[in-house]
Amino acid sequence: MDELEAIEQLVVRARRERAPAGDVAAAVLVGIRAGRPAPVLPLSLVAAGAALAAGVVLTLAVHAWSSGTDPQAALFPVVEVMQP
């Protein structure tokens, strides 16, 4: 089924439905409040993993930055000057 056809069918079904006569805001809020809160543990594990990965990358970057080698040094030959 094409996505556009599915959307068109949803539009047709929505037009056939009758809108509620009364105020439904209170019922929706009661339904939201009655729901169970989502568990936070999976998100905290992802955050801990991301923090660990960022720490490893930061450590490697600081080590590479402070190593002091010039990447262009290999392009130039070493010239020794002999004094007479």
Protein backbone atom coordinates (compact mmCIF):
# COMPACT_ATOMS: atom_id res chain seq x y z
CA MET A 1 0.00 0.00 0.00
CA ASP A 2 1.30 3.37 -0.92
CA GLU A 3 1.90 5.84 1.90
CA LEU A 4 -0.33 8.45 0.29
CA GLU A 5 -3.18 5.96 0.01
CA ALA A 6 -2.80 5.08 3.69
CA ILE A 7 -2.94 8.76 4.63
CA GLU A 8 -5.99 9.27 2.43
CA GLN A 9 -7.73 6.35 4.14
CA LEU A 10 -6.94 7.84 7.53
CA VAL A 11 -8.40 11.16 6.39
CA VAL A 12 -11.58 9.44 5.21
CA ARG A 13 -11.92 7.54 8.51
CA ALA A 14 -11.32 10.75 10.49
CA ARG A 15 -14.02 12.57 8.55
CA ARG A 16 -16.52 9.77 9.29
CA GLU A 17 -15.95 9.92 13.04
CA ARG A 18 -18.17 12.10 15.15
CA ALA A 19 -16.49 14.66 17.36
CA PRO A 20 -17.28 14.37 21.07
CA ALA A 21 -20.03 16.70 22.20
CA GLY A 22 -18.55 17.60 25.59
CA ASP A 23 -15.22 18.77 26.90
CA VAL A 24 -12.70 15.93 26.76
CA ALA A 25 -9.73 17.79 28.27
CA ALA A 26 -10.45 16.57 31.80
CA ALA A 27 -10.72 12.96 30.65
CA VAL A 28 -7.47 13.21 28.72
CA LEU A 29 -5.65 14.69 31.73
CA VAL A 30 -6.97 11.92 33.98
CA GLY A 31 -5.74 9.35 31.49
CA ILE A 32 -2.32 10.96 31.33
CA ARG A 33 -2.00 11.16 35.10
CA ALA A 34 -3.10 7.54 35.53
CA GLY A 35 -0.33 6.31 33.25
CA ARG A 36 2.84 4.77 34.57
CA PRO A 37 5.98 6.89 34.27
CA ALA A 38 8.53 5.62 31.78
CA PRO A 39 11.57 3.86 33.24
CA VAL A 40 14.66 6.03 33.35
CA LEU A 41 17.22 3.24 33.63
CA PRO A 42 17.70 2.61 29.86
CA LEU A 43 18.23 6.32 29.21
CA SER A 44 20.71 6.60 32.07
CA LEU A 45 22.66 3.62 30.71
CA VAL A 46 22.87 5.26 27.29
CA ALA A 47 23.99 8.52 28.89
CA ALA A 48 26.65 6.73 30.94
CA GLY A 49 27.94 4.95 27.84
CA ALA A 50 28.09 8.20 25.89
CA ALA A 51 29.94 9.91 28.74
CA LEU A 52 32.45 7.04 28.91
CA ALA A 53 33.03 7.17 25.15
CA ALA A 54 33.47 10.94 25.28
CA GLY A 55 36.01 10.57 28.10
CA VAL A 56 38.02 8.02 26.11
CA VAL A 57 38.02 10.23 23.01
CA LEU A 58 39.00 13.27 25.09
CA THR A 59 41.88 11.35 26.70
CA LEU A 60 43.18 10.19 23.33
CA ALA A 61 42.85 13.69 21.86
CA VAL A 62 44.75 15.30 24.75
CA HIS A 63 47.48 12.66 24.46
CA ALA A 64 47.78 13.21 20.71
CA TRP A 65 47.79 16.98 21.17
CA SER A 66 50.49 16.94 23.83
CA SER A 67 52.76 14.41 22.13
CA GLY A 68 54.56 17.32 20.49
CA THR A 69 55.40 15.71 17.19
CA ASP A 70 55.00 17.80 14.11
CA PRO A 71 53.14 15.90 11.39
CA GLN A 72 55.05 17.80 8.69
CA ALA A 73 58.45 16.90 10.15
CA ALA A 74 58.57 13.69 8.12
CA LEU A 75 58.32 15.70 4.90
CA PHE A 76 61.62 17.48 5.40
CA PRO A 77 64.94 15.64 5.34
CA VAL A 78 67.29 15.97 8.28
CA VAL A 79 70.28 18.10 7.31
CA GLU A 80 73.40 17.84 9.42
CA VAL A 81 75.76 20.76 9.19
CA MET A 82 79.41 19.80 9.41
CA GLN A 83 81.75 22.45 10.73
CA PRO A 84 85.25 22.59 9.22
